[in-house]
Amino acid sequence: MLEEVGMTGSEDGDFVEFALAGAAVKGAFHCAECGYGVVVQETLPRCPMCGGRSWEPEASAQTPNSV
């Protein structure tokens, strides 16, 4: 089952958008836990370095594109 992109926020209105392993996305992402980078065309995997499930879009990307 595919998981949705989630957002975490702070009190001052800033937020970081994360995509979870299993989400259907396109683009470059970095593991939120260890920083490992991947470029995906379909579904985000678990991080092959640390097993993490949260991915942050590359800084230059505004939002992940749905497949």
PDB file of N, CA and C in Angstrom:
ATOM      1  N   MET A   1       0.833  -1.173   0.000  1.00  0.00           N
ATOM      2  CA  MET A   1       0.000   0.000   0.000  1.00  0.00           C
ATOM      3  C   MET A   1       0.881   1.241   0.000  1.00  0.00           C
ATOM      4  N   LEU A   2       0.532   2.238  -0.781  1.00  0.00           N
ATOM      5  CA  LEU A   2       1.302   3.467  -0.857  1.00  0.00           C
ATOM      6  C   LEU A   2       0.954   4.389   0.294  1.00  0.00           C
ATOM      7  N   GLU A   3       1.978   5.102   0.777  1.00  0.00           N
ATOM      8  CA  GLU A   3       1.759   6.018   1.881  1.00  0.00           C
ATOM      9  C   GLU A   3       1.830   7.451   1.386  1.00  0.00           C
ATOM     10  N   GLU A   4       1.130   8.340   2.053  1.00  0.00           N
ATOM     11  CA  GLU A   4       1.051   9.736   1.666  1.00  0.00           C
ATOM     12  C   GLU A   4       2.305  10.499   2.079  1.00  0.00           C
ATOM     13  N   VAL A   5       2.511  11.642   1.431  1.00  0.00           N
ATOM     14  CA  VAL A   5       3.559  12.568   1.823  1.00  0.00           C
ATOM     15  C   VAL A   5       3.076  13.261   3.085  1.00  0.00           C
ATOM     16  N   GLY A   6       3.948  13.417   4.071  1.00  0.00           N
ATOM     17  CA  GLY A   6       3.563  14.066   5.317  1.00  0.00           C
ATOM     18  C   GLY A   6       4.366  15.320   5.560  1.00  0.00           C
ATOM     19  N   MET A   7       3.836  16.195   6.408  1.00  0.00           N
ATOM     20  CA  MET A   7       4.539  17.419   6.746  1.00  0.00           C
ATOM     21  C   MET A   7       4.647  17.526   8.258  1.00  0.00           C
ATOM     22  N   THR A   8       5.793  18.047   8.699  1.00  0.00           N
ATOM     23  CA  THR A   8       5.947  18.370  10.101  1.00  0.00           C
ATOM     24  C   THR A   8       6.166  19.858  10.197  1.00  0.00           C
ATOM     25  N   GLY A   9       5.645  20.488  11.210  1.00  0.00           N
ATOM     26  CA  GLY A   9       5.739  21.939  11.308  1.00  0.00           C
ATOM     27  C   GLY A   9       6.309  22.393  12.629  1.00  0.00           C
ATOM     28  N   SER A  10       6.604  23.675  12.684  1.00  0.00           N
ATOM     29  CA  SER A  10       7.050  24.286  13.919  1.00  0.00           C
ATOM     30  C   SER A  10       6.111  25.436  14.233  1.00  0.00           C
ATOM     31  N   GLU A  11       6.218  25.998  15.402  1.00  0.00           N
ATOM     32  CA  GLU A  11       5.315  27.050  15.828  1.00  0.00           C
ATOM     33  C   GLU A  11       5.454  28.325  15.013  1.00  0.00           C
ATOM     34  N   ASP A  12       6.616  28.582  14.409  1.00  0.00           N
ATOM     35  CA  ASP A  12       6.809  29.823  13.667  1.00  0.00           C
ATOM     36  C   ASP A  12       6.365  29.727  12.207  1.00  0.00           C
ATOM     37  N   GLY A  13       5.693  28.647  11.829  1.00  0.00           N
ATOM     38  CA  GLY A  13       5.143  28.530  10.486  1.00  0.00           C
ATOM     39  C   GLY A  13       6.045  27.836   9.481  1.00  0.00           C
ATOM     40  N   ASP A  14       7.298  27.558   9.820  1.00  0.00           N
ATOM     41  CA  ASP A  14       8.176  26.828   8.914  1.00  0.00           C
ATOM     42  C   ASP A  14       7.789  25.357   8.938  1.00  0.00           C
ATOM     43  N   PHE A  15       7.969  24.677   7.804  1.00  0.00           N
ATOM     44  CA  PHE A  15       7.693  23.253   7.787  1.00  0.00           C
ATOM     45  C   PHE A  15       8.675  22.566   6.869  1.00  0.00           C
ATOM     46  N   VAL A  16       8.857  21.290   7.118  1.00  0.00           N
ATOM     47  CA  VAL A  16       9.678  20.434   6.281  1.00  0.00           C
ATOM     48  C   VAL A  16       8.761  19.354   5.760  1.00  0.00           C
ATOM     49  N   GLU A  17       8.758  19.158   4.458  1.00  0.00           N
ATOM     50  CA  GLU A  17       7.899  18.145   3.855  1.00  0.00           C
ATOM     51  C   GLU A  17       8.692  16.858   3.687  1.00  0.00           C
ATOM     52  N   PHE A  18       8.137  15.750   4.166  1.00  0.00           N
ATOM     53  CA  PHE A  18       8.772  14.445   4.072  1.00  0.00           C
ATOM     54  C   PHE A  18       7.884  13.506   3.279  1.00  0.00           C
ATOM     55  N   ALA A  19       8.508  12.563   2.596  1.00  0.00           N
ATOM     56  CA  ALA A  19       7.794  11.485   1.926  1.00  0.00           C
ATOM     57  C   ALA A  19       8.222  10.191   2.618  1.00  0.00           C
ATOM     58  N   LEU A  20       7.295   9.272   2.778  1.00  0.00           N
ATOM     59  CA  LEU A  20       7.600   8.017   3.448  1.00  0.00           C
ATOM     60  C   LEU A  20       7.887   6.914   2.441  1.00  0.00           C
ATOM     61  N   ALA A  21       8.699   5.952   2.861  1.00  0.00           N
ATOM     62  CA  ALA A  21       8.974   4.787   2.017  1.00  0.00           C
ATOM     63  C   ALA A  21       7.643   4.205   1.567  1.00  0.00           C
ATOM     64  N   GLY A  22       7.547   3.877   0.298  1.00  0.00           N
ATOM     65  CA  GLY A  22       6.327   3.340  -0.266  1.00  0.00           C
ATOM     66  C   GLY A  22       5.508   4.385  -1.004  1.00  0.00           C
ATOM     67  N   ALA A  23       5.852   5.676  -0.826  1.00  0.00           N
ATOM     68  CA  ALA A  23       5.114   6.744  -1.503  1.00  0.00           C
ATOM     69  C   ALA A  23       5.467   6.770  -2.985  1.00  0.00           C
ATOM     70  N   ALA A  24       4.468   7.042  -3.828  1.00  0.00           N
ATOM     71  CA  ALA A  24       4.679   7.155  -5.272  1.00  0.00           C
ATOM     72  C   ALA A  24       5.113   8.591  -5.573  1.00  0.00           C
ATOM     73  N   VAL A  25       6.392   8.770  -5.895  1.00  0.00           N
ATOM     74  CA  VAL A  25       6.959  10.095  -6.146  1.00  0.00           C
ATOM     75  C   VAL A  25       7.991  10.021  -7.257  1.00  0.00           C
ATOM     76  N   LYS A  26       8.410  11.189  -7.732  1.00  0.00           N
ATOM     77  CA  LYS A  26       9.504  11.313  -8.702  1.00  0.00           C
ATOM     78  C   LYS A  26      10.439  12.386  -8.196  1.00  0.00           C
ATOM     79  N   GLY A  27      11.748  12.158  -8.355  1.00  0.00           N
ATOM     80  CA  GLY A  27      12.698  13.197  -8.009  1.00  0.00           C
ATOM     81  C   GLY A  27      13.824  12.718  -7.120  1.00  0.00           C
ATOM     82  N   ALA A  28      14.579  13.701  -6.610  1.00  0.00           N
ATOM     83  CA  ALA A  28      15.726  13.426  -5.748  1.00  0.00           C
ATOM     84  C   ALA A  28      15.331  13.633  -4.294  1.00  0.00           C
ATOM     85  N   PHE A  29      15.727  12.690  -3.447  1.00  0.00           N
ATOM     86  CA  PHE A  29      15.400  12.729  -2.025  1.00  0.00           C
ATOM     87  C   PHE A  29      16.621  12.345  -1.211  1.00  0.00           C
ATOM     88  N   HIS A  30      16.644  12.795   0.043  1.00  0.00           N
ATOM     89  CA  HIS A  30      17.698  12.432   0.989  1.00  0.00           C
ATOM     90  C   HIS A  30      17.043  11.825   2.213  1.00  0.00           C
ATOM     91  N   CYS A  31      17.644  10.770   2.732  1.00  0.00           N
ATOM     92  CA  CYS A  31      17.132  10.110   3.932  1.00  0.00           C
ATOM     93  C   CYS A  31      17.157  11.113   5.088  1.00  0.00           C
ATOM     94  N   ALA A  32      16.045  11.232   5.790  1.00  0.00           N
ATOM     95  CA  ALA A  32      15.955  12.159   6.917  1.00  0.00           C
ATOM     96  C   ALA A  32      16.804  11.707   8.099  1.00  0.00           C
ATOM     97  N   GLU A  33      17.196  10.437   8.134  1.00  0.00           N
ATOM     98  CA  GLU A  33      17.976   9.929   9.258  1.00  0.00           C
ATOM     99  C   GLU A  33      19.483   9.982   9.021  1.00  0.00           C
ATOM    100  N   CYS A  34      19.939   9.573   7.823  1.00  0.00           N
ATOM    101  CA  CYS A  34      21.386   9.500   7.596  1.00  0.00           C
ATOM    102  C   CYS A  34      21.876  10.376   6.451  1.00  0.00           C
ATOM    103  N   GLY A  35      20.969  10.940   5.644  1.00  0.00           N
ATOM    104  CA  GLY A  35      21.367  11.830   4.563  1.00  0.00           C
ATOM    105  C   GLY A  35      21.648  11.142   3.240  1.00  0.00           C
ATOM    106  N   TYR A  36      21.515   9.822   3.177  1.00  0.00           N
ATOM    107  CA  TYR A  36      21.753   9.092   1.930  1.00  0.00           C
ATOM    108  C   TYR A  36      20.820   9.622   0.842  1.00  0.00           C
ATOM    109  N   GLY A  37      21.339   9.811  -0.369  1.00  0.00           N
ATOM    110  CA  GLY A  37      20.538  10.367  -1.453  1.00  0.00           C
ATOM    111  C   GLY A  37      20.114   9.333  -2.478  1.00  0.00           C
ATOM    112  N   VAL A  38      18.890   9.495  -2.986  1.00  0.00           N
ATOM    113  CA  VAL A  38      18.372   8.641  -4.048  1.00  0.00           C
ATOM    114  C   VAL A  38      17.619   9.498  -5.060  1.00  0.00           C
ATOM    115  N   VAL A  39      17.537   8.993  -6.279  1.00  0.00           N
ATOM    116  CA  VAL A  39      16.682   9.585  -7.312  1.00  0.00           C
ATOM    117  C   VAL A  39      15.710   8.480  -7.699  1.00  0.00           C
ATOM    118  N   VAL A  40      14.420   8.774  -7.576  1.00  0.00           N
ATOM    119  CA  VAL A  40      13.404   7.756  -7.840  1.00  0.00           C
ATOM    120  C   VAL A  40      12.461   8.196  -8.945  1.00  0.00           C
ATOM    121  N   GLN A  41      11.895   7.221  -9.634  1.00  0.00           N
ATOM    122  CA  GLN A  41      10.926   7.470 -10.696  1.00  0.00           C
ATOM    123  C   GLN A  41       9.550   6.935 -10.340  1.00  0.00           C
ATOM    124  N   GLU A  42       9.456   6.092  -9.330  1.00  0.00           N
ATOM    125  CA  GLU A  42       8.178   5.470  -8.985  1.00  0.00           C
ATOM    126  C   GLU A  42       7.915   5.459  -7.487  1.00  0.00           C
ATOM    127  N   THR A  43       8.542   4.555  -6.748  1.00  0.00           N
ATOM    128  CA  THR A  43       8.228   4.357  -5.338  1.00  0.00           C
ATOM    129  C   THR A  43       9.480   4.494  -4.482  1.00  0.00           C
ATOM    130  N   LEU A  44       9.382   5.266  -3.408  1.00  0.00           N
ATOM    131  CA  LEU A  44      10.518   5.416  -2.493  1.00  0.00           C
ATOM    132  C   LEU A  44      10.769   4.110  -1.745  1.00  0.00           C
ATOM    133  N   PRO A  45      12.021   3.683  -1.684  1.00  0.00           N
ATOM    134  CA  PRO A  45      12.360   2.479  -0.926  1.00  0.00           C
ATOM    135  C   PRO A  45      12.664   2.841   0.528  1.00  0.00           C
ATOM    136  N   ARG A  46      12.913   1.852   1.339  1.00  0.00           N
ATOM    137  CA  ARG A  46      13.535   2.103   2.645  1.00  0.00           C
ATOM    138  C   ARG A  46      14.974   2.470   2.347  1.00  0.00           C
ATOM    139  N   CYS A  47      15.589   3.263   3.193  1.00  0.00           N
ATOM    140  CA  CYS A  47      16.978   3.667   2.979  1.00  0.00           C
ATOM    141  C   CYS A  47      17.884   2.432   3.012  1.00  0.00           C
ATOM    142  N   PRO A  48      18.690   2.229   1.958  1.00  0.00           N
ATOM    143  CA  PRO A  48      19.568   1.061   1.939  1.00  0.00           C
ATOM    144  C   PRO A  48      20.745   1.170   2.917  1.00  0.00           C
ATOM    145  N   MET A  49      21.019   2.374   3.410  1.00  0.00           N
ATOM    146  CA  MET A  49      22.137   2.543   4.345  1.00  0.00           C
ATOM    147  C   MET A  49      21.723   2.322   5.803  1.00  0.00           C
ATOM    148  N   CYS A  50      20.577   2.902   6.203  1.00  0.00           N
ATOM    149  CA  CYS A  50      20.206   2.829   7.618  1.00  0.00           C
ATOM    150  C   CYS A  50      18.834   2.202   7.860  1.00  0.00           C
ATOM    151  N   GLY A  51      18.071   1.933   6.785  1.00  0.00           N
ATOM    152  CA  GLY A  51      16.748   1.344   6.939  1.00  0.00           C
ATOM    153  C   GLY A  51      15.657   2.361   7.242  1.00  0.00           C
ATOM    154  N   GLY A  52      15.999   3.655   7.197  1.00  0.00           N
ATOM    155  CA  GLY A  52      15.026   4.705   7.487  1.00  0.00           C
ATOM    156  C   GLY A  52      13.877   4.722   6.492  1.00  0.00           C
ATOM    157  N   ARG A  53      12.740   5.295   6.912  1.00  0.00           N
ATOM    158  CA  ARG A  53      11.550   5.334   6.072  1.00  0.00           C
ATOM    159  C   ARG A  53      11.150   6.750   5.669  1.00  0.00           C
ATOM    160  N   SER A  54      11.787   7.777   6.219  1.00  0.00           N
ATOM    161  CA  SER A  54      11.432   9.162   5.919  1.00  0.00           C
ATOM    162  C   SER A  54      12.443   9.773   4.960  1.00  0.00           C
ATOM    163  N   TRP A  55      11.912  10.420   3.928  1.00  0.00           N
ATOM    164  CA  TRP A  55      12.743  11.028   2.895  1.00  0.00           C
ATOM    165  C   TRP A  55      12.384  12.499   2.756  1.00  0.00           C
ATOM    166  N   GLU A  56      13.400  13.343   2.620  1.00  0.00           N
ATOM    167  CA  GLU A  56      13.197  14.766   2.422  1.00  0.00           C
ATOM    168  C   GLU A  56      13.533  15.096   0.970  1.00  0.00           C
ATOM    169  N   PRO A  57      12.647  15.830   0.281  1.00  0.00           N
ATOM    170  CA  PRO A  57      12.953  16.207  -1.101  1.00  0.00           C
ATOM    171  C   PRO A  57      14.237  17.036  -1.148  1.00  0.00           C
ATOM    172  N   GLU A  58      14.980  16.915  -2.235  1.00  0.00           N
ATOM    173  CA  GLU A  58      16.191  17.708  -2.419  1.00  0.00           C
ATOM    174  C   GLU A  58      15.844  19.181  -2.252  1.00  0.00           C
ATOM    175  N   ALA A  59      16.745  19.958  -1.705  1.00  0.00           N
ATOM    176  CA  ALA A  59      16.490  21.365  -1.385  1.00  0.00           C
ATOM    177  C   ALA A  59      15.975  22.165  -2.563  1.00  0.00           C
ATOM    178  N   SER A  60      16.396  21.842  -3.778  1.00  0.00           N
ATOM    179  CA  SER A  60      15.974  22.606  -4.950  1.00  0.00           C
ATOM    180  C   SER A  60      14.555  22.258  -5.395  1.00  0.00           C
ATOM    181  N   ALA A  61      14.025  21.138  -4.891  1.00  0.00           N
ATOM    182  CA  ALA A  61      12.668  20.719  -5.284  1.00  0.00           C
ATOM    183  C   ALA A  61      11.643  21.351  -4.351  1.00  0.00           C
ATOM    184  N   GLN A  62      10.572  21.869  -4.904  1.00  0.00           N
ATOM    185  CA  GLN A  62       9.502  22.468  -4.113  1.00  0.00           C
ATOM    186  C   GLN A  62       8.678  21.394  -3.420  1.00  0.00           C
ATOM    187  N   THR A  63       8.134  20.456  -4.196  1.00  0.00           N
ATOM    188  CA  THR A  63       7.343  19.358  -3.659  1.00  0.00           C
ATOM    189  C   THR A  63       7.564  18.145  -4.538  1.00  0.00           C
ATOM    190  N   PRO A  64       7.394  16.936  -3.985  1.00  0.00           N
ATOM    191  CA  PRO A  64       7.537  15.741  -4.825  1.00  0.00           C
ATOM    192  C   PRO A  64       6.401  15.668  -5.836  1.00  0.00           C
ATOM    193  N   ASN A  65       6.698  15.145  -7.013  1.00  0.00           N
ATOM    194  CA  ASN A  65       5.680  14.967  -8.068  1.00  0.00           C
ATOM    195  C   ASN A  65       5.054  13.607  -7.929  1.00  0.00           C
ATOM    196  N   SER A  66       3.769  13.550  -7.962  1.00  0.00           N
ATOM    197  CA  SER A  66       3.085  12.259  -7.894  1.00  0.00           C
ATOM    198  C   SER A  66       3.253  11.523  -9.202  1.00  0.00           C
ATOM    199  N   VAL A  67       3.332  10.214  -9.130  1.00  0.00           N
ATOM    200  CA  VAL A  67       3.461   9.380 -10.315  1.00  0.00           C
ATOM    201  C   VAL A  67       2.088   9.126 -10.860  1.00  0.00           C
TER     202      VAL A  67
END
